[in-house]
């Protein structure tokens, strides 16, 4: 888990209404290989038939193309002056920009005069915050320097998808950790269509050419560590960071179906993971886009292994809903 704290206040690790947790990547360091699923062949075949982006099955309920010069605060919350528990970055609103039709979440190594110390960090190594990063979410509440807005989007079930270019290259990217994930508005359930880690890591395994999908019954992992995960290799072996790709998940009452460029890369059935039908997922979920810097498992970012600036670029966000789940 990674507990989020305001830089000037105490952690809120027991408050479900402060949904800013991230799990420990050590828990998914050796996930199932691409194509493996938590489902029987019959369940996979049935799940493949559910596609809420198919006009015969559903319709578009949310779309963001980042065509303006800034994010619309009624749709998105940009965090400021805070940090997460599992990495070494400061979260700053200035690291989130919109230009050329793209959302740009930048990571930067800071001059020493701008480093801060956070004694309540989870580890000794990340008490000094020497990088900055950005964090965007759809939470309706006012927090982290952003106003409240009842217009921010969330829904239960649907096909959630982004098109993005990842900064997690195989060289000079240690600790670079972009993510596209969904969280319950009032529960701790979590769905991650994409998490990626740059290289070289501090371990023998180099995950930078691939990415991971997962889901968690409880993002804090305090009362439950039950989860499902997988690792995805791009067809042909092309590194995932080399070009723009679409990352998605089709969430239905019977299964999660993860996709890369429209192709199924993992299936988790509700029968295999009953928490998908439990209280943690009995909620509307909102979108989160962020990039952490530094990891206790994959390694701390530093000038020898991590470039001074890197960018997580998102072209668009789209969400569809099945006709049977529309209000």
C-alpha atoms as a PDB file:
ATOM      1  CA  UNK A   1       0.000   0.000   0.000  1.00  0.00           C
ATOM      2  CA  UNK A   2       1.032   3.588  -0.320  1.00  0.00           C
ATOM      3  CA  UNK A   3      -0.656   5.964   2.033  1.00  0.00           C
ATOM      4  CA  UNK A   4      -1.134   9.487   0.773  1.00  0.00           C
ATOM      5  CA  UNK A   5      -0.387  12.368   3.086  1.00  0.00           C
ATOM      6  CA  UNK A   6      -0.518  16.091   2.871  1.00  0.00           C
ATOM      7  CA  UNK A   7       2.981  17.449   3.088  1.00  0.00           C
ATOM      8  CA  UNK A   8       1.938  19.510   6.087  1.00  0.00           C
ATOM      9  CA  UNK A   9      -0.390  17.094   7.874  1.00  0.00           C
ATOM     10  CA  UNK A  10      -0.472  13.571   9.246  1.00  0.00           C
ATOM     11  CA  UNK A  11      -1.234  10.471   7.183  1.00  0.00           C
ATOM     12  CA  UNK A  12      -4.846   9.340   6.864  1.00  0.00           C
ATOM     13  CA  UNK A  13      -4.203   5.639   6.409  1.00  0.00           C
ATOM     14  CA  UNK A  14      -7.362   4.520   8.213  1.00  0.00           C
ATOM     15  CA  UNK A  15      -9.800   6.818   6.441  1.00  0.00           C
ATOM     16  CA  UNK A  16     -11.658   5.147   3.544  1.00  0.00           C
ATOM     17  CA  UNK A  17     -12.722   8.593   2.383  1.00  0.00           C
ATOM     18  CA  UNK A  18      -9.099   9.460   1.609  1.00  0.00           C
ATOM     19  CA  UNK A  19      -8.748   7.178  -1.447  1.00  0.00           C
ATOM     20  CA  UNK A  20      -5.120   7.851  -2.295  1.00  0.00           C
ATOM     21  CA  UNK A  21      -3.487   4.494  -1.669  1.00  0.00           C
ATOM     22  CA  UNK A  22      -1.251   2.484  -3.961  1.00  0.00           C
ATOM     23  CA  UNK A  23      -0.221  -1.099  -3.431  1.00  0.00           C
ATOM     24  CA  UNK A  24       3.293  -2.382  -2.943  1.00  0.00           C
ATOM     25  CA  UNK A  25       4.688  -3.522  -6.322  1.00  0.00           C
ATOM     26  CA  UNK A  26       6.393  -6.387  -4.535  1.00  0.00           C
ATOM     27  CA  UNK A  27       2.965  -8.011  -4.387  1.00  0.00           C
ATOM     28  CA  UNK A  28       2.818  -8.178  -8.197  1.00  0.00           C
ATOM     29  CA  UNK A  29       6.500  -8.605  -8.965  1.00  0.00           C
ATOM     30  CA  UNK A  30       5.917 -12.093 -10.400  1.00  0.00           C
ATOM     31  CA  UNK A  31       2.357 -12.020 -11.770  1.00  0.00           C
ATOM     32  CA  UNK A  32       0.824 -14.379 -14.272  1.00  0.00           C
ATOM     33  CA  UNK A  33       2.189 -14.188 -17.781  1.00  0.00           C
ATOM     34  CA  UNK A  34       0.390 -12.445 -20.618  1.00  0.00           C
ATOM     35  CA  UNK A  35      -2.641 -14.365 -21.802  1.00  0.00           C
ATOM     36  CA  UNK A  36      -3.160 -16.230 -18.521  1.00  0.00           C
ATOM     37  CA  UNK A  37      -6.414 -15.534 -16.735  1.00  0.00           C
ATOM     38  CA  UNK A  38      -8.368 -16.180 -13.561  1.00  0.00           C
ATOM     39  CA  UNK A  39     -11.206 -17.871 -15.423  1.00  0.00           C
ATOM     40  CA  UNK A  40     -12.221 -21.136 -17.039  1.00  0.00           C
ATOM     41  CA  UNK A  41     -12.228 -21.421 -20.856  1.00  0.00           C
ATOM     42  CA  UNK A  42     -16.008 -21.145 -20.794  1.00  0.00           C
ATOM     43  CA  UNK A  43     -15.865 -18.012 -18.627  1.00  0.00           C
ATOM     44  CA  UNK A  44     -13.242 -16.466 -20.911  1.00  0.00           C
ATOM     45  CA  UNK A  45     -15.398 -17.146 -23.990  1.00  0.00           C
ATOM     46  CA  UNK A  46     -18.433 -15.587 -22.297  1.00  0.00           C
ATOM     47  CA  UNK A  47     -16.434 -12.573 -21.113  1.00  0.00           C
ATOM     48  CA  UNK A  48     -15.005 -11.992 -24.593  1.00  0.00           C
ATOM     49  CA  UNK A  49     -18.547 -11.460 -25.847  1.00  0.00           C
ATOM     50  CA  UNK A  50     -19.157  -8.546 -23.454  1.00  0.00           C
ATOM     51  CA  UNK A  51     -17.938  -5.285 -24.974  1.00  0.00           C
ATOM     52  CA  UNK A  52     -19.673  -2.119 -23.809  1.00  0.00           C
ATOM     53  CA  UNK A  53     -17.880  -0.116 -26.517  1.00  0.00           C
ATOM     54  CA  UNK A  54     -19.830  -2.097 -29.126  1.00  0.00           C
ATOM     55  CA  UNK A  55     -22.717   0.134 -30.255  1.00  0.00           C
ATOM     56  CA  UNK A  56     -24.961  -2.906 -30.052  1.00  0.00           C
ATOM     57  CA  UNK A  57     -24.160  -3.336 -26.345  1.00  0.00           C
ATOM     58  CA  UNK A  58     -23.566   0.146 -24.924  1.00  0.00           C
ATOM     59  CA  UNK A  59     -22.816   3.796 -25.485  1.00  0.00           C
ATOM     60  CA  UNK A  60     -20.196   6.418 -24.656  1.00  0.00           C
ATOM     61  CA  UNK A  61     -20.728   7.974 -21.222  1.00  0.00           C
ATOM     62  CA  UNK A  62     -17.500   9.960 -20.767  1.00  0.00           C
ATOM     63  CA  UNK A  63     -14.920  11.344 -23.173  1.00  0.00           C
ATOM     64  CA  UNK A  64     -11.893  13.576 -22.649  1.00  0.00           C
ATOM     65  CA  UNK A  65      -9.660  14.579 -25.566  1.00  0.00           C
ATOM     66  CA  UNK A  66      -7.527  17.221 -23.787  1.00  0.00           C
ATOM     67  CA  UNK A  67      -8.122  19.727 -26.558  1.00  0.00           C
ATOM     68  CA  UNK A  68      -7.901  22.833 -24.378  1.00  0.00           C
ATOM     69  CA  UNK A  69      -5.000  24.550 -22.650  1.00  0.00           C
ATOM     70  CA  UNK A  70      -5.813  23.276 -19.142  1.00  0.00           C
ATOM     71  CA  UNK A  71      -7.884  20.636 -17.404  1.00  0.00           C
ATOM     72  CA  UNK A  72     -11.498  21.482 -16.643  1.00  0.00           C
ATOM     73  CA  UNK A  73     -11.697  21.536 -12.805  1.00  0.00           C
ATOM     74  CA  UNK A  74     -15.332  20.465 -12.935  1.00  0.00           C
ATOM     75  CA  UNK A  75     -14.170  17.193 -14.552  1.00  0.00           C
ATOM     76  CA  UNK A  76     -10.725  16.608 -13.043  1.00  0.00           C
ATOM     77  CA  UNK A  77      -8.994  17.184  -9.731  1.00  0.00           C
ATOM     78  CA  UNK A  78      -5.279  18.046  -9.860  1.00  0.00           C
ATOM     79  CA  UNK A  79      -3.453  17.358  -6.606  1.00  0.00           C
ATOM     80  CA  UNK A  80      -0.967  19.758  -5.114  1.00  0.00           C
ATOM     81  CA  UNK A  81       1.397  19.900  -2.129  1.00  0.00           C
ATOM     82  CA  UNK A  82       1.110  16.259  -1.144  1.00  0.00           C
ATOM     83  CA  UNK A  83       2.910  12.935  -1.561  1.00  0.00           C
ATOM     84  CA  UNK A  84       2.372   9.161  -1.580  1.00  0.00           C
ATOM     85  CA  UNK A  85       3.796   6.710   0.877  1.00  0.00           C
ATOM     86  CA  UNK A  86       5.514   4.254  -1.485  1.00  0.00           C
ATOM     87  CA  UNK A  87       7.648   6.564  -3.616  1.00  0.00           C
ATOM     88  CA  UNK A  88      10.017   9.527  -3.300  1.00  0.00           C
ATOM     89  CA  UNK A  89       8.234  12.297  -5.210  1.00  0.00           C
ATOM     90  CA  UNK A  90       6.449  15.457  -4.239  1.00  0.00           C
ATOM     91  CA  UNK A  91       3.093  15.853  -5.986  1.00  0.00           C
ATOM     92  CA  UNK A  92       2.751  19.293  -7.559  1.00  0.00           C
ATOM     93  CA  UNK A  93      -0.032  20.783  -9.653  1.00  0.00           C
ATOM     94  CA  UNK A  94       2.564  22.489 -11.856  1.00  0.00           C
ATOM     95  CA  UNK A  95       3.642  19.059 -13.139  1.00  0.00           C
ATOM     96  CA  UNK A  96       0.260  18.589 -14.839  1.00  0.00           C
ATOM     97  CA  UNK A  97      -0.213  20.464 -18.120  1.00  0.00           C
ATOM     98  CA  UNK A  98      -2.338  20.207 -21.260  1.00  0.00           C
ATOM     99  CA  UNK A  99      -0.815  20.959 -24.668  1.00  0.00           C
ATOM    100  CA  UNK A 100      -0.964  19.703 -28.253  1.00  0.00           C
ATOM    101  CA  UNK A 101      -4.056  17.646 -27.475  1.00  0.00           C
ATOM    102  CA  UNK A 102      -2.302  15.741 -24.683  1.00  0.00           C
ATOM    103  CA  UNK A 103      -2.408  15.512 -20.921  1.00  0.00           C
ATOM    104  CA  UNK A 104       1.226  15.748 -19.810  1.00  0.00           C
ATOM    105  CA  UNK A 105       2.155  14.424 -16.363  1.00  0.00           C
ATOM    106  CA  UNK A 106       5.825  15.301 -15.878  1.00  0.00           C
ATOM    107  CA  UNK A 107       8.382  13.862 -13.497  1.00  0.00           C
ATOM    108  CA  UNK A 108      11.422  15.971 -12.645  1.00  0.00           C
ATOM    109  CA  UNK A 109      14.478  15.739 -10.473  1.00  0.00           C
ATOM    110  CA  UNK A 110      14.455  18.787  -8.212  1.00  0.00           C
ATOM    111  CA  UNK A 111      17.338  21.069  -7.273  1.00  0.00           C
ATOM    112  CA  UNK A 112      18.481  20.322  -3.739  1.00  0.00           C
ATOM    113  CA  UNK A 113      17.031  23.613  -2.519  1.00  0.00           C
ATOM    114  CA  UNK A 114      13.531  22.256  -3.286  1.00  0.00           C
ATOM    115  CA  UNK A 115      13.874  18.873  -1.597  1.00  0.00           C
ATOM    116  CA  UNK A 116      11.593  18.274   1.361  1.00  0.00           C
ATOM    117  CA  UNK A 117      11.777  15.769   4.205  1.00  0.00           C
ATOM    118  CA  UNK A 118       8.728  13.704   5.157  1.00  0.00           C
ATOM    119  CA  UNK A 119       9.484  11.813   8.395  1.00  0.00           C
ATOM    120  CA  UNK A 120       6.140   9.987   8.246  1.00  0.00           C
ATOM    121  CA  UNK A 121       7.067   8.227   4.996  1.00  0.00           C
ATOM    122  CA  UNK A 122       6.813   4.454   4.978  1.00  0.00           C
ATOM    123  CA  UNK A 123      10.541   3.845   4.426  1.00  0.00           C
ATOM    124  CA  UNK A 124      13.780   5.495   5.431  1.00  0.00           C
ATOM    125  CA  UNK A 125      14.883   5.850   1.805  1.00  0.00           C
ATOM    126  CA  UNK A 126      11.867   7.925   0.721  1.00  0.00           C
ATOM    127  CA  UNK A 127      11.846  10.461   3.524  1.00  0.00           C
ATOM    128  CA  UNK A 128      13.785  12.835   1.267  1.00  0.00           C
ATOM    129  CA  UNK A 129      11.567  13.914  -1.635  1.00  0.00           C
ATOM    130  CA  UNK A 130      13.954  14.883  -4.435  1.00  0.00           C
ATOM    131  CA  UNK A 131      11.640  14.454  -7.456  1.00  0.00           C
ATOM    132  CA  UNK A 132       8.304  16.021  -8.373  1.00  0.00           C
ATOM    133  CA  UNK A 133       5.389  14.495 -10.239  1.00  0.00           C
ATOM    134  CA  UNK A 134       1.694  14.980 -11.055  1.00  0.00           C
ATOM    135  CA  UNK A 135      -1.561  13.294 -10.087  1.00  0.00           C
ATOM    136  CA  UNK A 136      -5.009  13.682 -11.688  1.00  0.00           C
ATOM    137  CA  UNK A 137      -8.223  12.027 -10.506  1.00  0.00           C
ATOM    138  CA  UNK A 138     -11.999  12.212 -10.721  1.00  0.00           C
ATOM    139  CA  UNK A 139     -12.776  12.359  -6.997  1.00  0.00           C
ATOM    140  CA  UNK A 140     -15.681  14.709  -6.337  1.00  0.00           C
ATOM    141  CA  UNK A 141     -14.469  15.989  -2.958  1.00  0.00           C
ATOM    142  CA  UNK A 142     -12.301  19.055  -2.384  1.00  0.00           C
ATOM    143  CA  UNK A 143      -8.812  18.064  -1.267  1.00  0.00           C
ATOM    144  CA  UNK A 144      -5.134  18.578  -2.060  1.00  0.00           C
ATOM    145  CA  UNK A 145      -5.719  22.123  -3.254  1.00  0.00           C
ATOM    146  CA  UNK A 146      -8.588  21.318  -5.645  1.00  0.00           C
ATOM    147  CA  UNK A 147     -12.231  22.399  -5.275  1.00  0.00           C
ATOM    148  CA  UNK A 148     -15.155  20.008  -5.020  1.00  0.00           C
ATOM    149  CA  UNK A 149     -17.249  19.209  -8.073  1.00  0.00           C
ATOM    150  CA  UNK A 150     -20.293  16.972  -8.249  1.00  0.00           C
ATOM    151  CA  UNK A 151     -19.834  16.837 -12.039  1.00  0.00           C
ATOM    152  CA  UNK A 152     -16.720  14.634 -11.928  1.00  0.00           C
ATOM    153  CA  UNK A 153     -17.386  11.303 -13.578  1.00  0.00           C
ATOM    154  CA  UNK A 154     -17.747   7.873 -12.017  1.00  0.00           C
ATOM    155  CA  UNK A 155     -19.807   4.778 -12.771  1.00  0.00           C
ATOM    156  CA  UNK A 156     -20.179   1.137 -11.789  1.00  0.00           C
ATOM    157  CA  UNK A 157     -19.295  -1.237 -14.640  1.00  0.00           C
ATOM    158  CA  UNK A 158     -18.263  -0.128 -18.107  1.00  0.00           C
ATOM    159  CA  UNK A 159     -15.371  -0.153 -20.548  1.00  0.00           C
ATOM    160  CA  UNK A 160     -12.695   2.275 -19.311  1.00  0.00           C
ATOM    161  CA  UNK A 161      -9.885   3.049 -21.748  1.00  0.00           C
ATOM    162  CA  UNK A 162      -7.049   5.516 -22.342  1.00  0.00           C
ATOM    163  CA  UNK A 163      -4.572   6.072 -25.156  1.00  0.00           C
ATOM    164  CA  UNK A 164      -1.161   6.932 -23.760  1.00  0.00           C
ATOM    165  CA  UNK A 165       2.590   6.925 -24.281  1.00  0.00           C
ATOM    166  CA  UNK A 166       4.550   5.697 -21.287  1.00  0.00           C
ATOM    167  CA  UNK A 167       7.892   7.094 -20.030  1.00  0.00           C
ATOM    168  CA  UNK A 168       9.056   3.794 -18.505  1.00  0.00           C
ATOM    169  CA  UNK A 169      11.964   3.196 -20.895  1.00  0.00           C
ATOM    170  CA  UNK A 170      14.586   0.504 -20.393  1.00  0.00           C
ATOM    171  CA  UNK A 171      17.394   3.020 -19.821  1.00  0.00           C
ATOM    172  CA  UNK A 172      17.658   5.923 -17.376  1.00  0.00           C
ATOM    173  CA  UNK A 173      14.136   5.255 -16.067  1.00  0.00           C
ATOM    174  CA  UNK A 174      14.636   3.514 -12.746  1.00  0.00           C
ATOM    175  CA  UNK A 175      11.703   4.268 -10.459  1.00  0.00           C
ATOM    176  CA  UNK A 176       9.478   5.723 -13.205  1.00  0.00           C
ATOM    177  CA  UNK A 177       6.021   4.313 -12.431  1.00  0.00           C
ATOM    178  CA  UNK A 178       3.022   5.543 -14.518  1.00  0.00           C
ATOM    179  CA  UNK A 179      -0.457   4.190 -13.857  1.00  0.00           C
ATOM    180  CA  UNK A 180      -4.050   4.270 -15.091  1.00  0.00           C
ATOM    181  CA  UNK A 181      -6.381   2.980 -12.418  1.00  0.00           C
ATOM    182  CA  UNK A 182      -9.905   3.070 -11.013  1.00  0.00           C
ATOM    183  CA  UNK A 183     -11.011   3.436  -7.397  1.00  0.00           C
ATOM    184  CA  UNK A 184     -14.331   3.200  -5.662  1.00  0.00           C
ATOM    185  CA  UNK A 185     -15.911   6.515  -4.724  1.00  0.00           C
ATOM    186  CA  UNK A 186     -16.559   5.330  -1.176  1.00  0.00           C
ATOM    187  CA  UNK A 187     -14.952   1.877  -1.017  1.00  0.00           C
ATOM    188  CA  UNK A 188     -11.392   0.551  -1.205  1.00  0.00           C
ATOM    189  CA  UNK A 189     -11.854  -1.595  -4.303  1.00  0.00           C
ATOM    190  CA  UNK A 190      -9.255  -1.009  -7.039  1.00  0.00           C
ATOM    191  CA  UNK A 191      -8.917  -1.882 -10.730  1.00  0.00           C
ATOM    192  CA  UNK A 192      -5.638  -1.185 -12.554  1.00  0.00           C
ATOM    193  CA  UNK A 193      -5.810  -1.451 -16.346  1.00  0.00           C
ATOM    194  CA  UNK A 194      -2.152  -0.357 -16.522  1.00  0.00           C
ATOM    195  CA  UNK A 195       0.889   0.016 -14.287  1.00  0.00           C
ATOM    196  CA  UNK A 196       4.387   0.171 -15.764  1.00  0.00           C
ATOM    197  CA  UNK A 197       7.903   0.336 -14.330  1.00  0.00           C
ATOM    198  CA  UNK A 198      11.014   1.781 -15.937  1.00  0.00           C
ATOM    199  CA  UNK A 199      14.514   0.298 -16.063  1.00  0.00           C
ATOM    200  CA  UNK A 200      17.144  -0.558 -15.253  1.00  0.00           C
ATOM    201  CA  UNK A 201      15.761  -1.789 -11.940  1.00  0.00           C
ATOM    202  CA  UNK A 202      17.712  -2.726  -8.850  1.00  0.00           C
ATOM    203  CA  UNK A 203      16.788  -6.373  -9.523  1.00  0.00           C
ATOM    204  CA  UNK A 204      17.648  -8.875 -12.225  1.00  0.00           C
ATOM    205  CA  UNK A 205      14.195  -8.629 -13.774  1.00  0.00           C
ATOM    206  CA  UNK A 206      13.662  -5.690 -16.138  1.00  0.00           C
ATOM    207  CA  UNK A 207       9.906  -5.012 -16.511  1.00  0.00           C
ATOM    208  CA  UNK A 208      10.261  -1.921 -18.687  1.00  0.00           C
ATOM    209  CA  UNK A 209       9.276  -3.522 -22.021  1.00  0.00           C
ATOM    210  CA  UNK A 210       6.018  -4.790 -20.492  1.00  0.00           C
ATOM    211  CA  UNK A 211       3.238  -3.567 -18.241  1.00  0.00           C
ATOM    212  CA  UNK A 212       0.947  -5.005 -15.577  1.00  0.00           C
ATOM    213  CA  UNK A 213      -2.795  -5.179 -14.931  1.00  0.00           C
ATOM    214  CA  UNK A 214      -4.378  -6.022 -11.605  1.00  0.00           C
ATOM    215  CA  UNK A 215      -7.318  -5.620  -9.247  1.00  0.00           C
ATOM    216  CA  UNK A 216      -7.459  -5.501  -5.451  1.00  0.00           C
ATOM    217  CA  UNK A 217     -10.244  -6.141  -2.994  1.00  0.00           C
ATOM    218  CA  UNK A 218      -8.713  -3.494  -0.754  1.00  0.00           C
ATOM    219  CA  UNK A 219      -6.173  -1.006  -2.009  1.00  0.00           C
ATOM    220  CA  UNK A 220      -4.747  -0.490   1.499  1.00  0.00           C
ATOM    221  CA  UNK A 221      -4.142  -4.245   1.930  1.00  0.00           C
ATOM    222  CA  UNK A 222      -4.849  -3.883   5.660  1.00  0.00           C
ATOM    223  CA  UNK A 223      -7.829  -6.235   5.982  1.00  0.00           C
ATOM    224  CA  UNK A 224      -7.463  -8.085   2.679  1.00  0.00           C
ATOM    225  CA  UNK A 225      -4.625  -8.745   0.259  1.00  0.00           C
ATOM    226  CA  UNK A 226      -6.782 -10.673  -2.208  1.00  0.00           C
ATOM    227  CA  UNK A 227      -5.999  -9.621  -5.759  1.00  0.00           C
ATOM    228  CA  UNK A 228      -5.542 -10.751  -9.358  1.00  0.00           C
ATOM    229  CA  UNK A 229      -2.731  -9.650 -11.660  1.00  0.00           C
ATOM    230  CA  UNK A 230      -1.017 -10.237 -14.975  1.00  0.00           C
ATOM    231  CA  UNK A 231       1.943  -9.064 -17.030  1.00  0.00           C
ATOM    232  CA  UNK A 232       1.543  -8.071 -20.681  1.00  0.00           C
ATOM    233  CA  UNK A 233       4.046  -8.292 -23.523  1.00  0.00           C
ATOM    234  CA  UNK A 234       3.314  -6.331 -26.693  1.00  0.00           C
ATOM    235  CA  UNK A 235       2.815  -8.645 -29.704  1.00  0.00           C
ATOM    236  CA  UNK A 236       6.071  -8.858 -31.610  1.00  0.00           C
ATOM    237  CA  UNK A 237       8.082  -7.929 -28.542  1.00  0.00           C
ATOM    238  CA  UNK A 238       8.058  -4.159 -29.132  1.00  0.00           C
ATOM    239  CA  UNK A 239       8.719  -2.299 -25.859  1.00  0.00           C
ATOM    240  CA  UNK A 240       5.495  -0.887 -24.448  1.00  0.00           C
ATOM    241  CA  UNK A 241       7.066   2.572 -24.072  1.00  0.00           C
ATOM    242  CA  UNK A 242       8.035   2.901 -27.735  1.00  0.00           C
ATOM    243  CA  UNK A 243       4.694   4.197 -29.012  1.00  0.00           C
ATOM    244  CA  UNK A 244       1.171   5.189 -28.005  1.00  0.00           C
ATOM    245  CA  UNK A 245      -1.090   2.314 -26.988  1.00  0.00           C
ATOM    246  CA  UNK A 246      -4.645   1.955 -25.703  1.00  0.00           C
ATOM    247  CA  UNK A 247      -5.038   0.380 -22.265  1.00  0.00           C
ATOM    248  CA  UNK A 248      -8.454  -0.706 -21.109  1.00  0.00           C
ATOM    249  CA  UNK A 249     -10.690  -2.824 -18.926  1.00  0.00           C
ATOM    250  CA  UNK A 250     -14.243  -3.963 -19.603  1.00  0.00           C
ATOM    251  CA  UNK A 251     -15.888  -4.365 -16.202  1.00  0.00           C
ATOM    252  CA  UNK A 252     -19.127  -6.319 -16.131  1.00  0.00           C
ATOM    253  CA  UNK A 253     -21.008  -8.120 -13.320  1.00  0.00           C
ATOM    254  CA  UNK A 254     -19.417 -11.450 -14.303  1.00  0.00           C
ATOM    255  CA  UNK A 255     -15.818 -10.509 -15.152  1.00  0.00           C
ATOM    256  CA  UNK A 256     -13.012  -8.048 -15.741  1.00  0.00           C
ATOM    257  CA  UNK A 257     -11.527  -8.191 -19.234  1.00  0.00           C
ATOM    258  CA  UNK A 258      -8.256  -6.287 -19.671  1.00  0.00           C
ATOM    259  CA  UNK A 259      -7.279  -5.051 -23.130  1.00  0.00           C
ATOM    260  CA  UNK A 260      -4.255  -3.682 -24.983  1.00  0.00           C
ATOM    261  CA  UNK A 261      -5.035  -1.942 -28.288  1.00  0.00           C
ATOM    262  CA  UNK A 262      -8.432  -3.619 -28.208  1.00  0.00           C
ATOM    263  CA  UNK A 263      -7.003  -7.129 -27.754  1.00  0.00           C
ATOM    264  CA  UNK A 264      -7.847  -9.146 -24.638  1.00  0.00           C
ATOM    265  CA  UNK A 265      -4.772  -9.685 -22.450  1.00  0.00           C
ATOM    266  CA  UNK A 266      -6.378 -10.968 -19.261  1.00  0.00           C
ATOM    267  CA  UNK A 267      -9.693 -12.121 -17.821  1.00  0.00           C
ATOM    268  CA  UNK A 268     -10.755 -12.358 -14.182  1.00  0.00           C
ATOM    269  CA  UNK A 269     -14.118 -13.953 -13.491  1.00  0.00           C
ATOM    270  CA  UNK A 270     -16.272 -13.093 -10.513  1.00  0.00           C
ATOM    271  CA  UNK A 271     -16.416 -16.807  -9.753  1.00  0.00           C
ATOM    272  CA  UNK A 272     -12.619 -16.948  -9.461  1.00  0.00           C
ATOM    273  CA  UNK A 273     -12.415 -13.730  -7.422  1.00  0.00           C
ATOM    274  CA  UNK A 274     -15.684 -13.300  -5.473  1.00  0.00           C
ATOM    275  CA  UNK A 275     -14.562  -9.927  -4.103  1.00  0.00           C
ATOM    276  CA  UNK A 276     -15.547  -8.510  -7.513  1.00  0.00           C
ATOM    277  CA  UNK A 277     -19.163  -9.105  -6.454  1.00  0.00           C
ATOM    278  CA  UNK A 278     -18.576  -8.044  -2.855  1.00  0.00           C
ATOM    279  CA  UNK A 279     -18.920  -4.773  -0.943  1.00  0.00           C
ATOM    280  CA  UNK A 280     -15.592  -3.337  -2.194  1.00  0.00           C
ATOM    281  CA  UNK A 281     -16.932  -3.290  -5.777  1.00  0.00           C
ATOM    282  CA  UNK A 282     -20.521  -2.346  -4.947  1.00  0.00           C
ATOM    283  CA  UNK A 283     -19.785   1.262  -5.842  1.00  0.00           C
ATOM    284  CA  UNK A 284     -19.194   3.690  -8.664  1.00  0.00           C
ATOM    285  CA  UNK A 285     -15.517   3.967  -9.663  1.00  0.00           C
ATOM    286  CA  UNK A 286     -13.616   7.030 -10.891  1.00  0.00           C
ATOM    287  CA  UNK A 287     -10.498   7.377 -13.074  1.00  0.00           C
ATOM    288  CA  UNK A 288      -7.004   8.167 -11.778  1.00  0.00           C
ATOM    289  CA  UNK A 289      -3.913   9.047 -13.816  1.00  0.00           C
ATOM    290  CA  UNK A 290      -0.639   9.470 -11.970  1.00  0.00           C
ATOM    291  CA  UNK A 291       3.057   8.693 -12.036  1.00  0.00           C
ATOM    292  CA  UNK A 292       5.036   7.732  -8.964  1.00  0.00           C
ATOM    293  CA  UNK A 293       8.824   8.014  -8.814  1.00  0.00           C
ATOM    294  CA  UNK A 294      10.878   5.422  -6.963  1.00  0.00           C
ATOM    295  CA  UNK A 295       9.912   2.032  -5.605  1.00  0.00           C
ATOM    296  CA  UNK A 296      11.001  -0.045  -2.652  1.00  0.00           C
ATOM    297  CA  UNK A 297      10.910  -3.121  -4.877  1.00  0.00           C
ATOM    298  CA  UNK A 298      12.189  -1.929  -8.269  1.00  0.00           C
ATOM    299  CA  UNK A 299      14.585   0.694  -6.954  1.00  0.00           C
ATOM    300  CA  UNK A 300      14.971   4.319  -5.973  1.00  0.00           C
ATOM    301  CA  UNK A 301      15.302   6.917  -8.728  1.00  0.00           C
ATOM    302  CA  UNK A 302      18.734   8.562  -8.793  1.00  0.00           C
ATOM    303  CA  UNK A 303      20.849  10.621 -11.238  1.00  0.00           C
ATOM    304  CA  UNK A 304      22.881   7.577 -12.342  1.00  0.00           C
ATOM    305  CA  UNK A 305      19.853   5.506 -13.363  1.00  0.00           C
ATOM    306  CA  UNK A 306      17.034   8.024 -13.928  1.00  0.00           C
ATOM    307  CA  UNK A 307      16.916  10.937 -16.346  1.00  0.00           C
ATOM    308  CA  UNK A 308      16.166  14.385 -14.946  1.00  0.00           C
ATOM    309  CA  UNK A 309      12.806  14.749 -16.704  1.00  0.00           C
ATOM    310  CA  UNK A 310      10.237  12.311 -18.103  1.00  0.00           C
ATOM    311  CA  UNK A 311       6.644  12.592 -19.349  1.00  0.00           C
ATOM    312  CA  UNK A 312       3.538  10.402 -19.164  1.00  0.00           C
ATOM    313  CA  UNK A 313       1.404  11.522 -22.122  1.00  0.00           C
ATOM    314  CA  UNK A 314      -2.326  10.747 -22.349  1.00  0.00           C
ATOM    315  CA  UNK A 315      -4.096  11.368 -25.651  1.00  0.00           C
ATOM    316  CA  UNK A 316      -7.625  10.604 -24.516  1.00  0.00           C
ATOM    317  CA  UNK A 317      -9.857   8.948 -21.917  1.00  0.00           C
ATOM    318  CA  UNK A 318     -13.089   7.196 -22.887  1.00  0.00           C
ATOM    319  CA  UNK A 319     -15.698   5.294 -20.932  1.00  0.00           C
ATOM    320  CA  UNK A 320     -18.621   3.315 -22.293  1.00  0.00           C
ATOM    321  CA  UNK A 321     -21.513   1.778 -20.374  1.00  0.00           C
ATOM    322  CA  UNK A 322     -23.668  -1.221 -21.165  1.00  0.00           C
ATOM    323  CA  UNK A 323     -27.280  -0.419 -21.964  1.00  0.00           C
ATOM    324  CA  UNK A 324     -28.483  -2.605 -19.083  1.00  0.00           C
ATOM    325  CA  UNK A 325     -26.517  -0.512 -16.557  1.00  0.00           C
ATOM    326  CA  UNK A 326     -27.567   2.952 -17.752  1.00  0.00           C
ATOM    327  CA  UNK A 327     -29.798   4.921 -15.375  1.00  0.00           C
END
